[in-house]
Amino acid sequence: MSLIFSDKVKDALVNGLGLGDDAAVTLEIIATALFLIVISACATDNAPCSGVLAPLAIGGFIYVAATVIGPASGGSFNPARSIAPAIYAGEFSNLWIYLAGPLVGGLIGGVIVALVRQRKVGVPA
């Protein structure tokens, strides 16, 4: 691949930080948790917007999150989206942000969804 693409492409593929490491990992955690909540709220069997509107809601969230958070943290929200470019470019200095942030955010989002669903189960219809 190095024969096809220049160093400019390698630099463009690797996530860039607009803020410090702490702020970037915090933004990645928050965005990933919210992303998981949106997916769980829209794409599950009993969701009110499941079906045709789920892809619109999920895609809309990713657009807004990437537009707002992307310039500050790199807007990865997915470890695989950051690992492959880091390997290709040989740049691993900030990779921990894009591994830890989405994993912790996914855990937080999953716990929130589980707690909300648990409460709904106990409420009589």
C-alpha atoms as a PDB file:
ATOM      1  CA  MET A   1       0.000   0.000   0.000  1.00  0.00           C
ATOM      2  CA  SER A   2       2.895   2.381   0.633  1.00  0.00           C
ATOM      3  CA  LEU A   3       3.625   2.280  -3.084  1.00  0.00           C
ATOM      4  CA  ILE A   4       0.136   3.528  -3.879  1.00  0.00           C
ATOM      5  CA  PHE A   5      -0.446   6.156  -1.189  1.00  0.00           C
ATOM      6  CA  SER A   6       1.789   8.996  -0.060  1.00  0.00           C
ATOM      7  CA  ASP A   7       2.642  10.052   3.494  1.00  0.00           C
ATOM      8  CA  LYS A   8      -0.138  12.665   3.309  1.00  0.00           C
ATOM      9  CA  VAL A   9      -2.705   9.878   3.036  1.00  0.00           C
ATOM     10  CA  LYS A  10      -1.188   8.078   6.022  1.00  0.00           C
ATOM     11  CA  ASP A  11      -1.391  11.268   8.077  1.00  0.00           C
ATOM     12  CA  ALA A  12      -4.998  11.858   7.025  1.00  0.00           C
ATOM     13  CA  LEU A  13      -6.087   8.341   7.985  1.00  0.00           C
ATOM     14  CA  VAL A  14      -4.845   8.514  11.571  1.00  0.00           C
ATOM     15  CA  ASN A  15      -7.176  10.295  13.990  1.00  0.00           C
ATOM     16  CA  GLY A  16      -5.978  13.734  14.987  1.00  0.00           C
ATOM     17  CA  LEU A  17      -6.602  15.402  18.315  1.00  0.00           C
ATOM     18  CA  GLY A  18      -7.934  18.929  18.634  1.00  0.00           C
ATOM     19  CA  LEU A  19      -7.834  18.759  22.447  1.00  0.00           C
ATOM     20  CA  GLY A  20      -5.716  17.074  25.086  1.00  0.00           C
ATOM     21  CA  ASP A  21      -5.756  13.337  25.753  1.00  0.00           C
ATOM     22  CA  ASP A  22      -8.093  13.561  28.766  1.00  0.00           C
ATOM     23  CA  ALA A  23     -10.702  15.621  26.923  1.00  0.00           C
ATOM     24  CA  ALA A  24     -10.495  13.401  23.842  1.00  0.00           C
ATOM     25  CA  VAL A  25     -11.008  10.155  25.754  1.00  0.00           C
ATOM     26  CA  THR A  26     -13.889  11.736  27.696  1.00  0.00           C
ATOM     27  CA  LEU A  27     -15.578  12.816  24.469  1.00  0.00           C
ATOM     28  CA  GLU A  28     -15.077   9.345  22.985  1.00  0.00           C
ATOM     29  CA  ILE A  29     -16.643   7.768  26.093  1.00  0.00           C
ATOM     30  CA  ILE A  30     -19.663  10.089  26.027  1.00  0.00           C
ATOM     31  CA  ALA A  31     -20.253   9.794  22.274  1.00  0.00           C
ATOM     32  CA  THR A  32     -19.941   6.005  22.287  1.00  0.00           C
ATOM     33  CA  ALA A  33     -22.307   5.650  25.265  1.00  0.00           C
ATOM     34  CA  LEU A  34     -24.863   7.870  23.550  1.00  0.00           C
ATOM     35  CA  PHE A  35     -24.393   5.984  20.281  1.00  0.00           C
ATOM     36  CA  LEU A  36     -25.101   2.671  21.974  1.00  0.00           C
ATOM     37  CA  ILE A  37     -28.195   4.140  23.651  1.00  0.00           C
ATOM     38  CA  VAL A  38     -29.488   5.451  20.309  1.00  0.00           C
ATOM     39  CA  ILE A  39     -28.928   2.092  18.637  1.00  0.00           C
ATOM     40  CA  SER A  40     -30.636   0.226  21.474  1.00  0.00           C
ATOM     41  CA  ALA A  41     -33.538   2.659  21.502  1.00  0.00           C
ATOM     42  CA  CYS A  42     -34.071   2.549  17.731  1.00  0.00           C
ATOM     43  CA  ALA A  43     -33.046  -0.833  16.411  1.00  0.00           C
ATOM     44  CA  THR A  44     -34.523  -3.269  18.899  1.00  0.00           C
ATOM     45  CA  ASP A  45     -37.703  -5.271  18.406  1.00  0.00           C
ATOM     46  CA  ASN A  46     -39.849  -3.261  20.800  1.00  0.00           C
ATOM     47  CA  ALA A  47     -38.524   0.207  19.934  1.00  0.00           C
ATOM     48  CA  PRO A  48     -41.092   2.740  18.759  1.00  0.00           C
ATOM     49  CA  CYS A  49     -38.898   3.863  15.840  1.00  0.00           C
ATOM     50  CA  SER A  50     -37.681   0.420  14.779  1.00  0.00           C
ATOM     51  CA  GLY A  51     -37.951  -0.392  11.133  1.00  0.00           C
ATOM     52  CA  VAL A  52     -37.693   2.366   8.558  1.00  0.00           C
ATOM     53  CA  LEU A  53     -36.708   5.183  10.932  1.00  0.00           C
ATOM     54  CA  ALA A  54     -33.923   3.331  12.777  1.00  0.00           C
ATOM     55  CA  PRO A  55     -31.261   3.853  10.070  1.00  0.00           C
ATOM     56  CA  LEU A  56     -32.225   7.514   9.827  1.00  0.00           C
ATOM     57  CA  ALA A  57     -31.884   8.038  13.590  1.00  0.00           C
ATOM     58  CA  ILE A  58     -28.600   6.115  13.819  1.00  0.00           C
ATOM     59  CA  GLY A  59     -27.091   7.786  10.749  1.00  0.00           C
ATOM     60  CA  GLY A  60     -28.261  11.177  11.984  1.00  0.00           C
ATOM     61  CA  PHE A  61     -26.579  10.602  15.324  1.00  0.00           C
ATOM     62  CA  ILE A  62     -23.299   9.583  13.700  1.00  0.00           C
ATOM     63  CA  TYR A  63     -23.398  12.652  11.440  1.00  0.00           C
ATOM     64  CA  VAL A  64     -23.997  15.019  14.354  1.00  0.00           C
ATOM     65  CA  ALA A  65     -21.437  13.298  16.611  1.00  0.00           C
ATOM     66  CA  ALA A  66     -18.757  13.234  13.911  1.00  0.00           C
ATOM     67  CA  THR A  67     -19.419  16.875  13.048  1.00  0.00           C
ATOM     68  CA  VAL A  68     -19.410  18.103  16.643  1.00  0.00           C
ATOM     69  CA  ILE A  69     -16.926  15.767  18.345  1.00  0.00           C
ATOM     70  CA  GLY A  70     -14.805  14.777  15.347  1.00  0.00           C
ATOM     71  CA  PRO A  71     -12.646  17.909  15.231  1.00  0.00           C
ATOM     72  CA  ALA A  72     -11.938  17.695  18.972  1.00  0.00           C
ATOM     73  CA  SER A  73     -11.246  13.997  19.487  1.00  0.00           C
ATOM     74  CA  GLY A  74     -10.963  12.488  16.036  1.00  0.00           C
ATOM     75  CA  GLY A  75     -14.509  11.094  16.191  1.00  0.00           C
ATOM     76  CA  SER A  76     -13.713   7.402  16.056  1.00  0.00           C
ATOM     77  CA  PHE A  77     -16.446   5.826  18.255  1.00  0.00           C
ATOM     78  CA  ASN A  78     -15.177   2.423  17.109  1.00  0.00           C
ATOM     79  CA  PRO A  79     -11.804   0.798  17.902  1.00  0.00           C
ATOM     80  CA  ALA A  80     -11.640  -0.949  14.521  1.00  0.00           C
ATOM     81  CA  ARG A  81     -11.986   2.386  12.739  1.00  0.00           C
ATOM     82  CA  SER A  82      -8.801   3.561  14.480  1.00  0.00           C
ATOM     83  CA  ILE A  83      -6.704   0.401  14.665  1.00  0.00           C
ATOM     84  CA  ALA A  84      -6.376  -0.240  10.924  1.00  0.00           C
ATOM     85  CA  PRO A  85      -5.176   3.287  10.006  1.00  0.00           C
ATOM     86  CA  ALA A  86      -2.780   3.273  12.995  1.00  0.00           C
ATOM     87  CA  ILE A  87      -1.257  -0.015  11.847  1.00  0.00           C
ATOM     88  CA  TYR A  88      -1.020   1.211   8.257  1.00  0.00           C
ATOM     89  CA  ALA A  89       0.633   4.492   9.246  1.00  0.00           C
ATOM     90  CA  GLY A  90       2.710   2.975  12.050  1.00  0.00           C
ATOM     91  CA  GLU A  91       1.429   5.670  14.430  1.00  0.00           C
ATOM     92  CA  PHE A  92       0.338   4.298  17.824  1.00  0.00           C
ATOM     93  CA  SER A  93       0.858   7.273  20.163  1.00  0.00           C
ATOM     94  CA  ASN A  94      -2.825   8.139  20.685  1.00  0.00           C
ATOM     95  CA  LEU A  95      -4.343   4.761  19.870  1.00  0.00           C
ATOM     96  CA  TRP A  96      -5.129   4.108  23.543  1.00  0.00           C
ATOM     97  CA  ILE A  97      -7.746   6.897  23.391  1.00  0.00           C
ATOM     98  CA  TYR A  98      -9.614   5.117  20.611  1.00  0.00           C
ATOM     99  CA  LEU A  99      -9.419   1.756  22.350  1.00  0.00           C
ATOM    100  CA  ALA A 100     -10.295   2.833  25.900  1.00  0.00           C
ATOM    101  CA  GLY A 101     -12.893   5.474  25.030  1.00  0.00           C
ATOM    102  CA  PRO A 102     -15.270   3.329  22.967  1.00  0.00           C
ATOM    103  CA  LEU A 103     -14.867   0.286  25.239  1.00  0.00           C
ATOM    104  CA  VAL A 104     -15.666   2.248  28.403  1.00  0.00           C
ATOM    105  CA  GLY A 105     -18.414   4.195  26.611  1.00  0.00           C
ATOM    106  CA  GLY A 106     -19.969   0.974  25.360  1.00  0.00           C
ATOM    107  CA  LEU A 107     -19.940  -0.449  28.852  1.00  0.00           C
ATOM    108  CA  ILE A 108     -21.564   2.684  30.299  1.00  0.00           C
ATOM    109  CA  GLY A 109     -24.156   2.819  27.515  1.00  0.00           C
ATOM    110  CA  GLY A 110     -24.955  -0.869  27.946  1.00  0.00           C
ATOM    111  CA  VAL A 111     -25.472  -0.464  31.692  1.00  0.00           C
ATOM    112  CA  ILE A 112     -27.768   2.522  31.125  1.00  0.00           C
ATOM    113  CA  VAL A 113     -29.836   0.618  28.556  1.00  0.00           C
ATOM    114  CA  ALA A 114     -30.061  -2.406  30.860  1.00  0.00           C
ATOM    115  CA  LEU A 115     -31.199  -0.234  33.781  1.00  0.00           C
ATOM    116  CA  VAL A 116     -33.836   1.535  31.676  1.00  0.00           C
ATOM    117  CA  ARG A 117     -35.174  -1.745  30.293  1.00  0.00           C
ATOM    118  CA  GLN A 118     -35.227  -3.299  33.749  1.00  0.00           C
ATOM    119  CA  ARG A 119     -37.403  -0.463  35.030  1.00  0.00           C
ATOM    120  CA  LYS A 120     -39.790  -0.751  32.074  1.00  0.00           C
ATOM    121  CA  VAL A 121     -40.229  -4.483  32.699  1.00  0.00           C
ATOM    122  CA  GLY A 122     -41.396  -3.876  36.259  1.00  0.00           C
ATOM    123  CA  VAL A 123     -43.969  -1.201  35.286  1.00  0.00           C
ATOM    124  CA  PRO A 124     -47.494  -2.569  34.661  1.00  0.00           C
ATOM    125  CA  ALA A 125     -48.893  -1.769  31.226  1.00  0.00           C
END
